[in-house]
């Protein structure tokens, strides 16, 4: 029983660390995304109006990268929610099995 408690406590500790790391990455991605969007607005301006779609255009590659970053952020946020749920379940289970903690 004691080893199960220790193992459960260790899992909770690892999950909390994972969640903290993911929150840092999400925050960094969000900051980068805001900066990149501002740069994109300044640099591209009305490029779409000028039909600036030339093959290998670095600004279009940049735009695609922005979309990829948005998808990555969504995936990280989803994974973070899953970790939060698992953490809550483990904490409840630990509280039930070990009320002294």
N, C-alpha and C. Protein backbone atom coordinates (compact mmCIF):
# COMPACT_ATOMS: atom_id res chain seq x y z
N UNK A 1 0.83 -1.20 0.00
CA UNK A 1 0.00 0.00 0.00
C UNK A 1 0.87 1.25 0.00
N UNK A 2 1.90 1.23 0.82
CA UNK A 2 2.80 2.38 0.91
C UNK A 2 3.52 2.62 -0.41
N UNK A 3 3.93 1.53 -1.07
CA UNK A 3 4.62 1.68 -2.36
C UNK A 3 3.66 2.22 -3.42
N UNK A 4 2.38 1.83 -3.33
CA UNK A 4 1.39 2.35 -4.27
C UNK A 4 1.20 3.85 -4.07
N UNK A 5 1.19 4.27 -2.83
CA UNK A 5 1.05 5.70 -2.51
C UNK A 5 2.24 6.46 -3.05
N UNK A 6 3.42 5.91 -2.83
CA UNK A 6 4.64 6.56 -3.32
C UNK A 6 4.63 6.64 -4.84
N UNK A 7 4.23 5.55 -5.49
CA UNK A 7 4.17 5.54 -6.96
C UNK A 7 3.15 6.55 -7.47
N UNK A 8 2.01 6.62 -6.81
CA UNK A 8 0.96 7.56 -7.20
C UNK A 8 1.43 9.00 -6.99
N UNK A 9 2.08 9.24 -5.88
CA UNK A 9 2.60 10.59 -5.60
C UNK A 9 3.64 10.97 -6.65
N UNK A 10 4.46 10.02 -7.05
CA UNK A 10 5.49 10.28 -8.07
C UNK A 10 4.83 10.60 -9.42
N UNK A 11 3.76 9.86 -9.76
CA UNK A 11 3.04 10.13 -11.01
C UNK A 11 2.44 11.53 -11.00
N UNK A 12 1.87 11.90 -9.86
CA UNK A 12 1.28 13.24 -9.73
C UNK A 12 2.37 14.30 -9.90
N UNK A 13 3.51 14.07 -9.29
CA UNK A 13 4.62 15.02 -9.40
C UNK A 13 5.07 15.17 -10.85
N UNK A 14 5.19 14.04 -11.55
CA UNK A 14 5.60 14.06 -12.96
C UNK A 14 4.56 14.78 -13.80
N UNK A 15 3.28 14.50 -13.57
CA UNK A 15 2.22 15.16 -14.33
C UNK A 15 2.22 16.66 -14.09
N UNK A 16 2.42 17.07 -12.84
CA UNK A 16 2.47 18.51 -12.55
C UNK A 16 3.63 19.16 -13.28
N UNK A 17 4.77 18.48 -13.32
CA UNK A 17 5.94 19.00 -14.04
C UNK A 17 5.63 19.10 -15.53
N UNK A 18 5.01 18.05 -16.09
CA UNK A 18 4.65 18.06 -17.52
C UNK A 18 3.69 19.20 -17.83
N UNK A 19 2.71 19.41 -16.98
CA UNK A 19 1.73 20.48 -17.18
C UNK A 19 2.42 21.83 -17.14
N UNK A 20 3.29 22.02 -16.17
CA UNK A 20 4.02 23.29 -16.05
C UNK A 20 4.85 23.54 -17.30
N UNK A 21 5.54 22.53 -17.78
CA UNK A 21 6.35 22.67 -18.99
C UNK A 21 5.47 23.01 -20.19
N UNK A 22 4.34 22.34 -20.32
CA UNK A 22 3.44 22.61 -21.44
C UNK A 22 2.88 24.02 -21.37
N UNK A 23 2.55 24.46 -20.17
CA UNK A 23 2.05 25.83 -20.03
C UNK A 23 3.11 26.84 -20.46
N UNK A 24 4.38 26.56 -20.14
CA UNK A 24 5.47 27.44 -20.56
C UNK A 24 5.56 27.47 -22.09
N UNK A 25 5.48 26.29 -22.71
CA UNK A 25 5.55 26.23 -24.17
C UNK A 25 4.37 26.96 -24.81
N UNK A 26 3.19 26.78 -24.26
CA UNK A 26 2.01 27.46 -24.80
C UNK A 26 2.18 28.96 -24.69
N UNK A 27 2.67 29.42 -23.55
CA UNK A 27 2.88 30.85 -23.35
C UNK A 27 3.92 31.38 -24.34
N UNK A 28 5.00 30.64 -24.53
CA UNK A 28 6.03 31.07 -25.48
C UNK A 28 5.48 31.09 -26.90
N UNK A 29 4.74 30.05 -27.28
CA UNK A 29 4.15 30.01 -28.61
C UNK A 29 3.19 31.17 -28.81
N UNK A 30 2.40 31.47 -27.80
CA UNK A 30 1.44 32.57 -27.91
C UNK A 30 2.16 33.90 -28.11
N UNK A 31 3.23 34.12 -27.34
CA UNK A 31 4.01 35.36 -27.50
C UNK A 31 4.62 35.44 -28.89
N UNK A 32 5.22 34.33 -29.33
CA UNK A 32 5.83 34.31 -30.66
C UNK A 32 4.77 34.55 -31.73
N UNK A 33 3.62 33.95 -31.55
CA UNK A 33 2.55 34.10 -32.53
C UNK A 33 2.10 35.55 -32.63
N UNK A 34 1.95 36.23 -31.51
CA UNK A 34 1.56 37.64 -31.53
C UNK A 34 2.60 38.48 -32.26
N UNK A 35 3.87 38.24 -31.94
CA UNK A 35 4.96 38.98 -32.59
C UNK A 35 4.97 38.70 -34.09
N UNK A 36 4.84 37.43 -34.45
CA UNK A 36 4.86 37.06 -35.86
C UNK A 36 3.68 37.65 -36.62
N UNK A 37 2.52 37.68 -35.99
CA UNK A 37 1.35 38.28 -36.65
C UNK A 37 1.56 39.76 -36.90
N UNK A 38 2.14 40.45 -35.93
CA UNK A 38 2.42 41.88 -36.11
C UNK A 38 3.44 42.09 -37.23
N UNK A 39 4.48 41.29 -37.23
CA UNK A 39 5.48 41.38 -38.30
C UNK A 39 4.86 41.08 -39.66
N UNK A 40 4.01 40.10 -39.68
CA UNK A 40 3.34 39.73 -40.92
C UNK A 40 2.49 40.87 -41.44
N UNK A 41 1.75 41.50 -40.54
CA UNK A 41 0.92 42.65 -40.94
C UNK A 41 1.78 43.76 -41.52
N UNK A 42 2.90 44.05 -40.85
CA UNK A 42 3.78 45.13 -41.30
C UNK A 42 4.44 44.79 -42.63
N UNK A 43 4.92 43.56 -42.76
CA UNK A 43 5.70 43.19 -43.94
C UNK A 43 4.84 42.84 -45.15
N UNK A 44 3.74 42.19 -44.93
CA UNK A 44 2.92 41.75 -46.05
C UNK A 44 2.03 42.88 -46.54
N UNK A 45 1.47 43.61 -45.58
CA UNK A 45 0.58 44.70 -45.96
C UNK A 45 -0.54 44.19 -46.85
N UNK A 46 -0.59 44.70 -48.05
CA UNK A 46 -1.65 44.28 -48.96
C UNK A 46 -1.09 43.38 -50.06
N UNK A 47 -0.21 42.46 -49.69
CA UNK A 47 0.42 41.55 -50.66
C UNK A 47 -0.62 40.71 -51.40
N UNK A 48 -1.68 40.31 -50.71
CA UNK A 48 -2.71 39.52 -51.37
C UNK A 48 -3.36 40.31 -52.50
N UNK A 49 -3.55 41.59 -52.30
CA UNK A 49 -4.15 42.43 -53.34
C UNK A 49 -3.23 42.52 -54.55
N UNK A 50 -1.93 42.45 -54.34
CA UNK A 50 -0.96 42.56 -55.42
C UNK A 50 -0.67 41.21 -56.06
N UNK A 51 -1.42 40.17 -55.69
CA UNK A 51 -1.19 38.83 -56.23
C UNK A 51 0.25 38.40 -56.06
N UNK A 52 0.70 38.40 -54.86
CA UNK A 52 2.10 38.16 -54.53
C UNK A 52 2.40 36.67 -54.35
N UNK A 53 1.58 35.82 -54.93
CA UNK A 53 1.75 34.39 -54.72
C UNK A 53 2.73 33.79 -55.72
N UNK A 54 3.99 34.02 -55.48
CA UNK A 54 5.06 33.48 -56.31
C UNK A 54 5.58 32.22 -55.62
N UNK A 55 5.88 31.21 -56.40
CA UNK A 55 6.37 29.95 -55.85
C UNK A 55 7.62 30.19 -54.99
N UNK A 56 7.63 29.64 -53.79
CA UNK A 56 8.78 29.78 -52.90
C UNK A 56 8.85 31.12 -52.20
N UNK A 57 7.76 31.87 -52.25
CA UNK A 57 7.71 33.18 -51.60
C UNK A 57 7.92 33.01 -50.10
N UNK A 58 8.95 33.63 -49.53
CA UNK A 58 9.21 33.46 -48.09
C UNK A 58 8.06 33.94 -47.21
N UNK A 59 7.32 34.94 -47.65
CA UNK A 59 6.20 35.43 -46.84
C UNK A 59 5.08 34.39 -46.79
N UNK A 60 4.86 33.69 -47.89
CA UNK A 60 3.84 32.64 -47.88
C UNK A 60 4.29 31.48 -47.00
N UNK A 61 5.58 31.15 -47.07
CA UNK A 61 6.11 30.11 -46.19
C UNK A 61 5.95 30.54 -44.74
N UNK A 62 6.18 31.81 -44.47
CA UNK A 62 6.03 32.37 -43.14
C UNK A 62 4.58 32.23 -42.67
N UNK A 63 3.64 32.54 -43.58
CA UNK A 63 2.22 32.43 -43.26
C UNK A 63 1.86 30.97 -42.95
N UNK A 64 2.37 30.07 -43.75
CA UNK A 64 2.10 28.64 -43.49
C UNK A 64 2.66 28.23 -42.13
N UNK A 65 3.85 28.72 -41.82
CA UNK A 65 4.46 28.41 -40.53
C UNK A 65 3.59 28.94 -39.38
N UNK A 66 3.02 30.12 -39.57
CA UNK A 66 2.12 30.69 -38.55
C UNK A 66 0.93 29.76 -38.32
N UNK A 67 0.36 29.25 -39.40
CA UNK A 67 -0.78 28.34 -39.27
C UNK A 67 -0.36 27.06 -38.56
N UNK A 68 0.83 26.56 -38.90
CA UNK A 68 1.35 25.37 -38.22
C UNK A 68 1.53 25.64 -36.73
N UNK A 69 2.03 26.83 -36.39
CA UNK A 69 2.21 27.20 -34.98
C UNK A 69 0.87 27.23 -34.26
N UNK A 70 -0.17 27.75 -34.92
CA UNK A 70 -1.50 27.79 -34.31
C UNK A 70 -1.99 26.38 -34.02
N UNK A 71 -1.78 25.46 -34.98
CA UNK A 71 -2.19 24.08 -34.78
C UNK A 71 -1.41 23.44 -33.62
N UNK A 72 -0.13 23.73 -33.55
CA UNK A 72 0.70 23.19 -32.46
C UNK A 72 0.19 23.68 -31.11
N UNK A 73 -0.15 24.96 -31.04
CA UNK A 73 -0.68 25.52 -29.79
C UNK A 73 -1.98 24.82 -29.41
N UNK A 74 -2.87 24.61 -30.38
CA UNK A 74 -4.13 23.93 -30.10
C UNK A 74 -3.88 22.52 -29.57
N UNK A 75 -2.93 21.81 -30.19
CA UNK A 75 -2.62 20.45 -29.75
C UNK A 75 -2.04 20.45 -28.33
N UNK A 76 -1.14 21.39 -28.05
CA UNK A 76 -0.55 21.48 -26.71
C UNK A 76 -1.61 21.82 -25.67
N UNK A 77 -2.52 22.73 -26.02
CA UNK A 77 -3.59 23.08 -25.08
C UNK A 77 -4.49 21.88 -24.81
N UNK A 78 -4.79 21.11 -25.86
CA UNK A 78 -5.62 19.92 -25.70
C UNK A 78 -4.91 18.90 -24.81
N UNK A 79 -3.64 18.68 -25.06
CA UNK A 79 -2.87 17.74 -24.24
C UNK A 79 -2.79 18.23 -22.80
N UNK A 80 -2.65 19.53 -22.62
CA UNK A 80 -2.59 20.10 -21.28
C UNK A 80 -3.91 19.84 -20.54
N UNK A 81 -5.04 20.01 -21.22
CA UNK A 81 -6.34 19.74 -20.59
C UNK A 81 -6.43 18.27 -20.17
N UNK A 82 -5.93 17.37 -21.03
CA UNK A 82 -5.95 15.94 -20.70
C UNK A 82 -5.10 15.67 -19.46
N UNK A 83 -3.91 16.27 -19.41
CA UNK A 83 -3.04 16.10 -18.24
C UNK A 83 -3.71 16.65 -16.99
N UNK A 84 -4.38 17.79 -17.10
CA UNK A 84 -5.07 18.38 -15.95
C UNK A 84 -6.14 17.42 -15.44
N UNK A 85 -6.89 16.81 -16.36
CA UNK A 85 -7.94 15.87 -15.98
C UNK A 85 -7.35 14.65 -15.28
N UNK A 86 -6.29 14.10 -15.86
CA UNK A 86 -5.63 12.94 -15.25
C UNK A 86 -5.10 13.30 -13.87
N UNK A 87 -4.51 14.47 -13.75
CA UNK A 87 -3.97 14.92 -12.47
C UNK A 87 -5.08 15.02 -11.42
N UNK A 88 -6.22 15.59 -11.79
CA UNK A 88 -7.34 15.72 -10.84
C UNK A 88 -7.82 14.34 -10.40
N UNK A 89 -7.92 13.42 -11.36
CA UNK A 89 -8.36 12.06 -11.03
C UNK A 89 -7.38 11.40 -10.06
N UNK A 90 -6.09 11.52 -10.36
CA UNK A 90 -5.08 10.92 -9.48
C UNK A 90 -5.08 11.56 -8.10
N UNK A 91 -5.27 12.88 -8.05
CA UNK A 91 -5.31 13.56 -6.75
C UNK A 91 -6.53 13.11 -5.94
N UNK A 92 -7.69 12.95 -6.60
CA UNK A 92 -8.89 12.48 -5.90
C UNK A 92 -8.68 11.06 -5.39
N UNK A 93 -8.11 10.22 -6.26
CA UNK A 93 -7.86 8.83 -5.87
C UNK A 93 -6.90 8.78 -4.69
N UNK A 94 -5.88 9.59 -4.73
CA UNK A 94 -4.90 9.64 -3.64
C UNK A 94 -5.56 10.14 -2.36
N UNK A 95 -6.44 11.13 -2.47
CA UNK A 95 -7.12 11.67 -1.28
C UNK A 95 -8.05 10.63 -0.66
N UNK A 96 -8.69 9.82 -1.51
CA UNK A 96 -9.59 8.79 -1.00
C UNK A 96 -8.80 7.67 -0.32
N UNK A 97 -7.73 7.24 -0.99
CA UNK A 97 -6.95 6.12 -0.46
C UNK A 97 -6.05 6.52 0.70
N UNK A 98 -5.68 7.79 0.75
CA UNK A 98 -4.73 8.26 1.76
C UNK A 98 -5.21 9.59 2.35
N UNK A 99 -6.24 9.55 3.15
CA UNK A 99 -6.78 10.82 3.67
C UNK A 99 -5.80 11.60 4.53
N UNK A 100 -4.75 10.95 5.03
CA UNK A 100 -3.80 11.67 5.88
C UNK A 100 -2.91 12.60 5.07
N UNK A 101 -2.87 12.48 3.74
CA UNK A 101 -2.02 13.35 2.91
C UNK A 101 -2.77 14.55 2.51
